Amino acid sequence: MPNRLGLAYRAGKLAVGTERAVKAIQNRKAELILLANDASNLTIKKVTDKAKYYQVKVNQEFNTQSLSKPLGKSNIKTVAILDKGFSKMYEK
């Protein structure tokens, strides 16, 4: 699955980072949120509250490393998937 995350990133189908992901949720562009299970309580609350309000599913199966590595970045806690097709690969 990590290869698919990198593919989605290169295709421009992700909003990477907590602030960008929250903006994508508010703009109703996010299909699914991948939230690191080792993110801070504040980040988890901020993202899950916003996602719940806008009725966007959240997947917390991943940790920071498994979200960051396929994107070639470090310390990524939140990724919003903007494409319905890519989001289906990560739904529980």
PDB file of N, CA and C in Angstrom:
ATOM      1  N   MET A   1       0.791  -1.217   0.000  1.00  0.00           N
ATOM      2  CA  MET A   1       0.000   0.000   0.000  1.00  0.00           C
ATOM      3  C   MET A   1       0.833   1.282   0.000  1.00  0.00           C
ATOM      4  N   PRO A   2       2.011   1.309   0.649  1.00  0.00           N
ATOM      5  CA  PRO A   2       2.785   2.553   0.632  1.00  0.00           C
ATOM      6  C   PRO A   2       3.122   3.028  -0.778  1.00  0.00           C
ATOM      7  N   ASN A   3       3.372   2.103  -1.715  1.00  0.00           N
ATOM      8  CA  ASN A   3       3.670   2.508  -3.088  1.00  0.00           C
ATOM      9  C   ASN A   3       2.504   3.281  -3.688  1.00  0.00           C
ATOM     10  N   ARG A   4       1.305   2.880  -3.347  1.00  0.00           N
ATOM     11  CA  ARG A   4       0.115   3.556  -3.866  1.00  0.00           C
ATOM     12  C   ARG A   4      -0.004   4.964  -3.299  1.00  0.00           C
ATOM     13  N   LEU A   5       0.434   5.145  -2.064  1.00  0.00           N
ATOM     14  CA  LEU A   5       0.404   6.475  -1.464  1.00  0.00           C
ATOM     15  C   LEU A   5       1.364   7.402  -2.207  1.00  0.00           C
ATOM     16  N   GLY A   6       2.539   6.896  -2.539  1.00  0.00           N
ATOM     17  CA  GLY A   6       3.498   7.674  -3.326  1.00  0.00           C
ATOM     18  C   GLY A   6       2.956   7.997  -4.706  1.00  0.00           C
ATOM     19  N   LEU A   7       2.266   7.042  -5.302  1.00  0.00           N
ATOM     20  CA  LEU A   7       1.657   7.246  -6.617  1.00  0.00           C
ATOM     21  C   LEU A   7       0.586   8.339  -6.548  1.00  0.00           C
ATOM     22  N   ALA A   8      -0.253   8.278  -5.527  1.00  0.00           N
ATOM     23  CA  ALA A   8      -1.296   9.298  -5.348  1.00  0.00           C
ATOM     24  C   ALA A   8      -0.671  10.674  -5.136  1.00  0.00           C
ATOM     25  N   TYR A   9       0.442  10.719  -4.410  1.00  0.00           N
ATOM     26  CA  TYR A   9       1.138  11.988  -4.167  1.00  0.00           C
ATOM     27  C   TYR A   9       1.664  12.571  -5.473  1.00  0.00           C
ATOM     28  N   ARG A  10       2.302  11.729  -6.265  1.00  0.00           N
ATOM     29  CA  ARG A  10       2.848  12.191  -7.552  1.00  0.00           C
ATOM     30  C   ARG A  10       1.735  12.602  -8.516  1.00  0.00           C
ATOM     31  N   ALA A  11       0.561  12.005  -8.355  1.00  0.00           N
ATOM     32  CA  ALA A  11      -0.583  12.345  -9.209  1.00  0.00           C
ATOM     33  C   ALA A  11      -1.318  13.598  -8.719  1.00  0.00           C
ATOM     34  N   GLY A  12      -0.877  14.151  -7.592  1.00  0.00           N
ATOM     35  CA  GLY A  12      -1.509  15.358  -7.062  1.00  0.00           C
ATOM     36  C   GLY A  12      -2.855  15.107  -6.404  1.00  0.00           C
ATOM     37  N   LYS A  13      -3.038  13.897  -5.881  1.00  0.00           N
ATOM     38  CA  LYS A  13      -4.325  13.519  -5.298  1.00  0.00           C
ATOM     39  C   LYS A  13      -4.314  13.529  -3.770  1.00  0.00           C
ATOM     40  N   LEU A  14      -3.296  14.171  -3.166  1.00  0.00           N
ATOM     41  CA  LEU A  14      -3.190  14.221  -1.712  1.00  0.00           C
ATOM     42  C   LEU A  14      -3.018  15.651  -1.226  1.00  0.00           C
ATOM     43  N   ALA A  15      -3.511  15.911  -0.024  1.00  0.00           N
ATOM     44  CA  ALA A  15      -3.190  17.136   0.711  1.00  0.00           C
ATOM     45  C   ALA A  15      -2.361  16.665   1.903  1.00  0.00           C
ATOM     46  N   VAL A  16      -1.082  17.019   1.920  1.00  0.00           N
ATOM     47  CA  VAL A  16      -0.144  16.491   2.907  1.00  0.00           C
ATOM     48  C   VAL A  16       0.077  17.509   4.020  1.00  0.00           C
ATOM     49  N   GLY A  17      -0.034  17.034   5.261  1.00  0.00           N
ATOM     50  CA  GLY A  17       0.150  17.890   6.424  1.00  0.00           C
ATOM     51  C   GLY A  17      -1.191  18.211   7.061  1.00  0.00           C
ATOM     52  N   THR A  18      -1.159  18.463   8.345  1.00  0.00           N
ATOM     53  CA  THR A  18      -2.399  18.668   9.087  1.00  0.00           C
ATOM     54  C   THR A  18      -3.183  19.875   8.592  1.00  0.00           C
ATOM     55  N   GLU A  19      -2.519  21.009   8.410  1.00  0.00           N
ATOM     56  CA  GLU A  19      -3.239  22.222   7.989  1.00  0.00           C
ATOM     57  C   GLU A  19      -3.855  22.061   6.598  1.00  0.00           C
ATOM     58  N   ARG A  20      -3.097  21.493   5.680  1.00  0.00           N
ATOM     59  CA  ARG A  20      -3.629  21.281   4.322  1.00  0.00           C
ATOM     60  C   ARG A  20      -4.772  20.272   4.327  1.00  0.00           C
ATOM     61  N   ALA A  21      -4.634  19.240   5.150  1.00  0.00           N
ATOM     62  CA  ALA A  21      -5.691  18.228   5.232  1.00  0.00           C
ATOM     63  C   ALA A  21      -6.972  18.829   5.805  1.00  0.00           C
ATOM     64  N   VAL A  22      -6.842  19.642   6.844  1.00  0.00           N
ATOM     65  CA  VAL A  22      -8.015  20.285   7.444  1.00  0.00           C
ATOM     66  C   VAL A  22      -8.681  21.213   6.431  1.00  0.00           C
ATOM     67  N   LYS A  23      -7.876  21.936   5.672  1.00  0.00           N
ATOM     68  CA  LYS A  23      -8.427  22.818   4.628  1.00  0.00           C
ATOM     69  C   LYS A  23      -9.178  22.003   3.571  1.00  0.00           C
ATOM     70  N   ALA A  24      -8.611  20.852   3.199  1.00  0.00           N
ATOM     71  CA  ALA A  24      -9.265  19.985   2.216  1.00  0.00           C
ATOM     72  C   ALA A  24     -10.598  19.469   2.754  1.00  0.00           C
ATOM     73  N   ILE A  25     -10.639  19.173   4.053  1.00  0.00           N
ATOM     74  CA  ILE A  25     -11.893  18.728   4.673  1.00  0.00           C
ATOM     75  C   ILE A  25     -12.924  19.855   4.593  1.00  0.00           C
ATOM     76  N   GLN A  26     -12.517  21.050   5.001  1.00  0.00           N
ATOM     77  CA  GLN A  26     -13.434  22.198   5.015  1.00  0.00           C
ATOM     78  C   GLN A  26     -13.934  22.552   3.618  1.00  0.00           C
ATOM     79  N   ASN A  27     -13.080  22.381   2.629  1.00  0.00           N
ATOM     80  CA  ASN A  27     -13.456  22.682   1.241  1.00  0.00           C
ATOM     81  C   ASN A  27     -14.190  21.524   0.574  1.00  0.00           C
ATOM     82  N   ARG A  28     -14.454  20.487   1.361  1.00  0.00           N
ATOM     83  CA  ARG A  28     -15.170  19.290   0.892  1.00  0.00           C
ATOM     84  C   ARG A  28     -14.469  18.596  -0.277  1.00  0.00           C
ATOM     85  N   LYS A  29     -13.142  18.628  -0.246  1.00  0.00           N
ATOM     86  CA  LYS A  29     -12.359  17.952  -1.278  1.00  0.00           C
ATOM     87  C   LYS A  29     -11.808  16.621  -0.786  1.00  0.00           C
ATOM     88  N   ALA A  30     -11.742  16.438   0.524  1.00  0.00           N
ATOM     89  CA  ALA A  30     -11.165  15.221   1.100  1.00  0.00           C
ATOM     90  C   ALA A  30     -12.157  14.065   1.026  1.00  0.00           C
ATOM     91  N   GLU A  31     -11.694  12.938   0.513  1.00  0.00           N
ATOM     92  CA  GLU A  31     -12.499  11.715   0.470  1.00  0.00           C
ATOM     93  C   GLU A  31     -12.219  10.843   1.693  1.00  0.00           C
ATOM     94  N   LEU A  32     -10.975  10.882   2.171  1.00  0.00           N
ATOM     95  CA  LEU A  32     -10.544  10.059   3.300  1.00  0.00           C
ATOM     96  C   LEU A  32      -9.335  10.723   3.939  1.00  0.00           C
ATOM     97  N   ILE A  33      -9.225  10.606   5.260  1.00  0.00           N
ATOM     98  CA  ILE A  33      -8.080  11.137   5.984  1.00  0.00           C
ATOM     99  C   ILE A  33      -7.266   9.973   6.527  1.00  0.00           C
ATOM    100  N   LEU A  34      -5.963  10.001   6.272  1.00  0.00           N
ATOM    101  CA  LEU A  34      -5.033   9.068   6.903  1.00  0.00           C
ATOM    102  C   LEU A  34      -4.360   9.852   8.018  1.00  0.00           C
ATOM    103  N   LEU A  35      -4.543   9.405   9.251  1.00  0.00           N
ATOM    104  CA  LEU A  35      -4.044  10.109  10.425  1.00  0.00           C
ATOM    105  C   LEU A  35      -3.114   9.180  11.187  1.00  0.00           C
ATOM    106  N   ALA A  36      -1.894   9.629  11.430  1.00  0.00           N
ATOM    107  CA  ALA A  36      -0.909   8.808  12.133  1.00  0.00           C
ATOM    108  C   ALA A  36      -1.409   8.482  13.535  1.00  0.00           C
ATOM    109  N   ASN A  37      -1.298   7.201  13.911  1.00  0.00           N
ATOM    110  CA  ASN A  37      -1.765   6.790  15.229  1.00  0.00           C
ATOM    111  C   ASN A  37      -0.837   7.260  16.346  1.00  0.00           C
ATOM    112  N   ASP A  38       0.335   7.803  15.981  1.00  0.00           N
ATOM    113  CA  ASP A  38       1.249   8.349  16.982  1.00  0.00           C
ATOM    114  C   ASP A  38       1.285   9.883  16.947  1.00  0.00           C
ATOM    115  N   ALA A  39       0.286  10.489  16.339  1.00  0.00           N
ATOM    116  CA  ALA A  39       0.170  11.955  16.327  1.00  0.00           C
ATOM    117  C   ALA A  39      -0.205  12.431  17.731  1.00  0.00           C
ATOM    118  N   SER A  40       0.020  13.707  17.994  1.00  0.00           N
ATOM    119  CA  SER A  40      -0.320  14.261  19.308  1.00  0.00           C
ATOM    120  C   SER A  40      -1.834  14.239  19.507  1.00  0.00           C
ATOM    121  N   ASN A  41      -2.236  14.256  20.763  1.00  0.00           N
ATOM    122  CA  ASN A  41      -3.670  14.264  21.079  1.00  0.00           C
ATOM    123  C   ASN A  41      -4.362  15.479  20.476  1.00  0.00           C
ATOM    124  N   LEU A  42      -3.677  16.616  20.463  1.00  0.00           N
ATOM    125  CA  LEU A  42      -4.250  17.837  19.895  1.00  0.00           C
ATOM    126  C   LEU A  42      -4.505  17.674  18.392  1.00  0.00           C
ATOM    127  N   THR A  43      -3.527  17.100  17.680  1.00  0.00           N
ATOM    128  CA  THR A  43      -3.680  16.874  16.237  1.00  0.00           C
ATOM    129  C   THR A  43      -4.806  15.888  15.966  1.00  0.00           C
ATOM    130  N   ILE A  44      -4.838  14.814  16.726  1.00  0.00           N
ATOM    131  CA  ILE A  44      -5.884  13.806  16.544  1.00  0.00           C
ATOM    132  C   ILE A  44      -7.262  14.425  16.764  1.00  0.00           C
ATOM    133  N   LYS A  45      -7.405  15.197  17.842  1.00  0.00           N
ATOM    134  CA  LYS A  45      -8.698  15.833  18.129  1.00  0.00           C
ATOM    135  C   LYS A  45      -9.079  16.826  17.039  1.00  0.00           C
ATOM    136  N   LYS A  46      -8.133  17.654  16.633  1.00  0.00           N
ATOM    137  CA  LYS A  46      -8.402  18.675  15.609  1.00  0.00           C
ATOM    138  C   LYS A  46      -8.900  18.028  14.316  1.00  0.00           C
ATOM    139  N   VAL A  47      -8.195  17.002  13.870  1.00  0.00           N
ATOM    140  CA  VAL A  47      -8.529  16.357  12.600  1.00  0.00           C
ATOM    141  C   VAL A  47      -9.808  15.535  12.712  1.00  0.00           C
ATOM    142  N   THR A  48      -9.938  14.751  13.769  1.00  0.00           N
ATOM    143  CA  THR A  48     -11.127  13.899  13.882  1.00  0.00           C
ATOM    144  C   THR A  48     -12.400  14.722  14.090  1.00  0.00           C
ATOM    145  N   ASP A  49     -12.306  15.805  14.855  1.00  0.00           N
ATOM    146  CA  ASP A  49     -13.483  16.672  15.040  1.00  0.00           C
ATOM    147  C   ASP A  49     -13.925  17.285  13.711  1.00  0.00           C
ATOM    148  N   LYS A  50     -12.962  17.793  12.953  1.00  0.00           N
ATOM    149  CA  LYS A  50     -13.277  18.419  11.666  1.00  0.00           C
ATOM    150  C   LYS A  50     -13.843  17.370  10.707  1.00  0.00           C
ATOM    151  N   ALA A  51     -13.226  16.193  10.681  1.00  0.00           N
ATOM    152  CA  ALA A  51     -13.683  15.127   9.784  1.00  0.00           C
ATOM    153  C   ALA A  51     -15.093  14.663  10.156  1.00  0.00           C
ATOM    154  N   LYS A  52     -15.352  14.563  11.442  1.00  0.00           N
ATOM    155  CA  LYS A  52     -16.684  14.141  11.886  1.00  0.00           C
ATOM    156  C   LYS A  52     -17.736  15.169  11.464  1.00  0.00           C
ATOM    157  N   TYR A  53     -17.437  16.438  11.648  1.00  0.00           N
ATOM    158  CA  TYR A  53     -18.375  17.499  11.294  1.00  0.00           C
ATOM    159  C   TYR A  53     -18.709  17.470   9.802  1.00  0.00           C
ATOM    160  N   TYR A  54     -17.679  17.250   8.972  1.00  0.00           N
ATOM    161  CA  TYR A  54     -17.873  17.250   7.516  1.00  0.00           C
ATOM    162  C   TYR A  54     -18.125  15.852   6.951  1.00  0.00           C
ATOM    163  N   GLN A  55     -18.271  14.871   7.834  1.00  0.00           N
ATOM    164  CA  GLN A  55     -18.579  13.485   7.470  1.00  0.00           C
ATOM    165  C   GLN A  55     -17.545  12.876   6.526  1.00  0.00           C
ATOM    166  N   VAL A  56     -16.277  12.991   6.921  1.00  0.00           N
ATOM    167  CA  VAL A  56     -15.171  12.391   6.174  1.00  0.00           C
ATOM    168  C   VAL A  56     -14.594  11.271   7.038  1.00  0.00           C
ATOM    169  N   LYS A  57     -14.399  10.100   6.460  1.00  0.00           N
ATOM    170  CA  LYS A  57     -13.847   8.971   7.202  1.00  0.00           C
ATOM    171  C   LYS A  57     -12.378   9.214   7.536  1.00  0.00           C
ATOM    172  N   VAL A  58     -11.956   8.649   8.682  1.00  0.00           N
ATOM    173  CA  VAL A  58     -10.572   8.760   9.136  1.00  0.00           C
ATOM    174  C   VAL A  58     -10.025   7.357   9.344  1.00  0.00           C
ATOM    175  N   ASN A  59      -8.836   7.101   8.816  1.00  0.00           N
ATOM    176  CA  ASN A  59      -8.146   5.826   8.977  1.00  0.00           C
ATOM    177  C   ASN A  59      -6.893   6.086   9.810  1.00  0.00           C
ATOM    178  N   GLN A  60      -6.782   5.419  10.974  1.00  0.00           N
ATOM    179  CA  GLN A  60      -5.634   5.594  11.857  1.00  0.00           C
ATOM    180  C   GLN A  60      -4.784   4.333  11.950  1.00  0.00           C
ATOM    181  N   GLU A  61      -4.708   3.561  10.889  1.00  0.00           N
ATOM    182  CA  GLU A  61      -3.929   2.323  10.886  1.00  0.00           C
ATOM    183  C   GLU A  61      -2.432   2.567  10.777  1.00  0.00           C
ATOM    184  N   PHE A  62      -2.026   3.754  10.388  1.00  0.00           N
ATOM    185  CA  PHE A  62      -0.634   4.020  10.049  1.00  0.00           C
ATOM    186  C   PHE A  62       0.054   4.841  11.127  1.00  0.00           C
ATOM    187  N   ASN A  63       1.403   4.741  11.159  1.00  0.00           N
ATOM    188  CA  ASN A  63       2.168   5.617  12.036  1.00  0.00           C
ATOM    189  C   ASN A  63       2.864   6.682  11.186  1.00  0.00           C
ATOM    190  N   THR A  64       3.557   7.589  11.842  1.00  0.00           N
ATOM    191  CA  THR A  64       4.193   8.705  11.143  1.00  0.00           C
ATOM    192  C   THR A  64       5.160   8.222  10.069  1.00  0.00           C
ATOM    193  N   GLN A  65       5.969   7.223  10.401  1.00  0.00           N
ATOM    194  CA  GLN A  65       6.959   6.728   9.438  1.00  0.00           C
ATOM    195  C   GLN A  65       6.290   6.136   8.201  1.00  0.00           C
ATOM    196  N   SER A  66       5.226   5.372   8.390  1.00  0.00           N
ATOM    197  CA  SER A  66       4.579   4.732   7.236  1.00  0.00           C
ATOM    198  C   SER A  66       3.825   5.732   6.362  1.00  0.00           C
ATOM    199  N   LEU A  67       3.481   6.902   6.898  1.00  0.00           N
ATOM    200  CA  LEU A  67       2.885   7.956   6.072  1.00  0.00           C
ATOM    201  C   LEU A  67       3.962   8.802   5.398  1.00  0.00           C
ATOM    202  N   SER A  68       5.074   9.017   6.089  1.00  0.00           N
ATOM    203  CA  SER A  68       6.120   9.918   5.593  1.00  0.00           C
ATOM    204  C   SER A  68       6.996   9.293   4.517  1.00  0.00           C
ATOM    205  N   LYS A  69       7.422   8.070   4.740  1.00  0.00           N
ATOM    206  CA  LYS A  69       8.411   7.437   3.855  1.00  0.00           C
ATOM    207  C   LYS A  69       7.979   7.371   2.388  1.00  0.00           C
ATOM    208  N   PRO A  70       6.764   6.906   2.064  1.00  0.00           N
ATOM    209  CA  PRO A  70       6.379   6.822   0.646  1.00  0.00           C
ATOM    210  C   PRO A  70       6.296   8.185  -0.043  1.00  0.00           C
ATOM    211  N   LEU A  71       6.168   9.243   0.763  1.00  0.00           N
ATOM    212  CA  LEU A  71       6.053  10.587   0.203  1.00  0.00           C
ATOM    213  C   LEU A  71       7.408  11.276   0.096  1.00  0.00           C
ATOM    214  N   GLY A  72       8.449  10.617   0.619  1.00  0.00           N
ATOM    215  CA  GLY A  72       9.783  11.212   0.597  1.00  0.00           C
ATOM    216  C   GLY A  72       9.893  12.393   1.541  1.00  0.00           C
ATOM    217  N   LYS A  73       9.104  12.382   2.591  1.00  0.00           N
ATOM    218  CA  LYS A  73       9.089  13.483   3.552  1.00  0.00           C
ATOM    219  C   LYS A  73       9.320  12.920   4.950  1.00  0.00           C
ATOM    220  N   SER A  74       9.383  13.803   5.936  1.00  0.00           N
ATOM    221  CA  SER A  74       9.535  13.337   7.308  1.00  0.00           C
ATOM    222  C   SER A  74       8.477  13.981   8.192  1.00  0.00           C
ATOM    223  N   ASN A  75       8.111  13.260   9.229  1.00  0.00           N
ATOM    224  CA  ASN A  75       7.213  13.759  10.266  1.00  0.00           C
ATOM    225  C   ASN A  75       5.816  14.142   9.755  1.00  0.00           C
ATOM    226  N   ILE A  76       5.286  13.382   8.811  1.00  0.00           N
ATOM    227  CA  ILE A  76       3.936  13.629   8.302  1.00  0.00           C
ATOM    228  C   ILE A  76       2.931  12.914   9.209  1.00  0.00           C
ATOM    229  N   LYS A  77       1.993  13.669   9.746  1.00  0.00           N
ATOM    230  CA  LYS A  77       0.986  13.114  10.659  1.00  0.00           C
ATOM    231  C   LYS A  77      -0.370  12.935   9.993  1.00  0.00           C
ATOM    232  N   THR A  78      -0.658  13.760   8.985  1.00  0.00           N
ATOM    233  CA  THR A  78      -1.989  13.753   8.376  1.00  0.00           C
ATOM    234  C   THR A  78      -1.895  13.852   6.860  1.00  0.00           C
ATOM    235  N   VAL A  79      -2.660  13.004   6.188  1.00  0.00           N
ATOM    236  CA  VAL A  79      -2.746  13.042   4.727  1.00  0.00           C
ATOM    237  C   VAL A  79      -4.225  12.962   4.353  1.00  0.00           C
ATOM    238  N   ALA A  80      -4.665  13.887   3.526  1.00  0.00           N
ATOM    239  CA  ALA A  80      -6.033  13.832   3.001  1.00  0.00           C
ATOM    240  C   ALA A  80      -5.963  13.281   1.586  1.00  0.00           C
ATOM    241  N   ILE A  81      -6.727  12.244   1.315  1.00  0.00           N
ATOM    242  CA  ILE A  81      -6.809  11.691  -0.031  1.00  0.00           C
ATOM    243  C   ILE A  81      -7.966  12.396  -0.734  1.00  0.00           C
ATOM    244  N   LEU A  82      -7.663  12.989  -1.877  1.00  0.00           N
ATOM    245  CA  LEU A  82      -8.632  13.822  -2.584  1.00  0.00           C
ATOM    246  C   LEU A  82      -9.352  13.094  -3.711  1.00  0.00           C
ATOM    247  N   ASP A  83      -8.990  11.852  -3.955  1.00  0.00           N
ATOM    248  CA  ASP A  83      -9.537  11.087  -5.073  1.00  0.00           C
ATOM    249  C   ASP A  83     -10.297   9.875  -4.545  1.00  0.00           C
ATOM    250  N   LYS A  84     -11.514   9.691  -5.001  1.00  0.00           N
ATOM    251  CA  LYS A  84     -12.353   8.586  -4.532  1.00  0.00           C
ATOM    252  C   LYS A  84     -11.717   7.223  -4.816  1.00  0.00           C
ATOM    253  N   GLY A  85     -11.108   7.069  -5.987  1.00  0.00           N
ATOM    254  CA  GLY A  85     -10.474   5.802  -6.341  1.00  0.00           C
ATOM    255  C   GLY A  85      -9.329   5.444  -5.411  1.00  0.00           C
ATOM    256  N   PHE A  86      -8.449   6.401  -5.134  1.00  0.00           N
ATOM    257  CA  PHE A  86      -7.342   6.153  -4.217  1.00  0.00           C
ATOM    258  C   PHE A  86      -7.854   5.934  -2.793  1.00  0.00           C
ATOM    259  N   SER A  87      -8.901   6.635  -2.410  1.00  0.00           N
ATOM    260  CA  SER A  87      -9.403   6.507  -1.035  1.00  0.00           C
ATOM    261  C   SER A  87      -9.948   5.106  -0.769  1.00  0.00           C
ATOM    262  N   LYS A  88     -10.510   4.460  -1.769  1.00  0.00           N
ATOM    263  CA  LYS A  88     -11.065   3.116  -1.589  1.00  0.00           C
ATOM    264  C   LYS A  88      -9.990   2.103  -1.208  1.00  0.00           C
ATOM    265  N   MET A  89      -8.744   2.349  -1.627  1.00  0.00           N
ATOM    266  CA  MET A  89      -7.647   1.439  -1.291  1.00  0.00           C
ATOM    267  C   MET A  89      -7.327   1.461   0.201  1.00  0.00           C
ATOM    268  N   TYR A  90      -7.667   2.551   0.877  1.00  0.00           N
ATOM    269  CA  TYR A  90      -7.287   2.723   2.276  1.00  0.00           C
ATOM    270  C   TYR A  90      -8.457   2.682   3.249  1.00  0.00           C
ATOM    271  N   GLU A  91      -9.672   2.545   2.753  1.00  0.00           N
ATOM    272  CA  GLU A  91     -10.815   2.466   3.658  1.00  0.00           C
ATOM    273  C   GLU A  91     -10.799   1.141   4.395  1.00  0.00           C
ATOM    274  N   LYS A  92     -11.235   1.181   5.642  1.00  0.00           N
ATOM    275  CA  LYS A  92     -11.254  -0.033   6.468  1.00  0.00           C
ATOM    276  C   LYS A  92     -12.420  -0.907   6.089  1.00  0.00           C
TER     277      LYS A  92
END
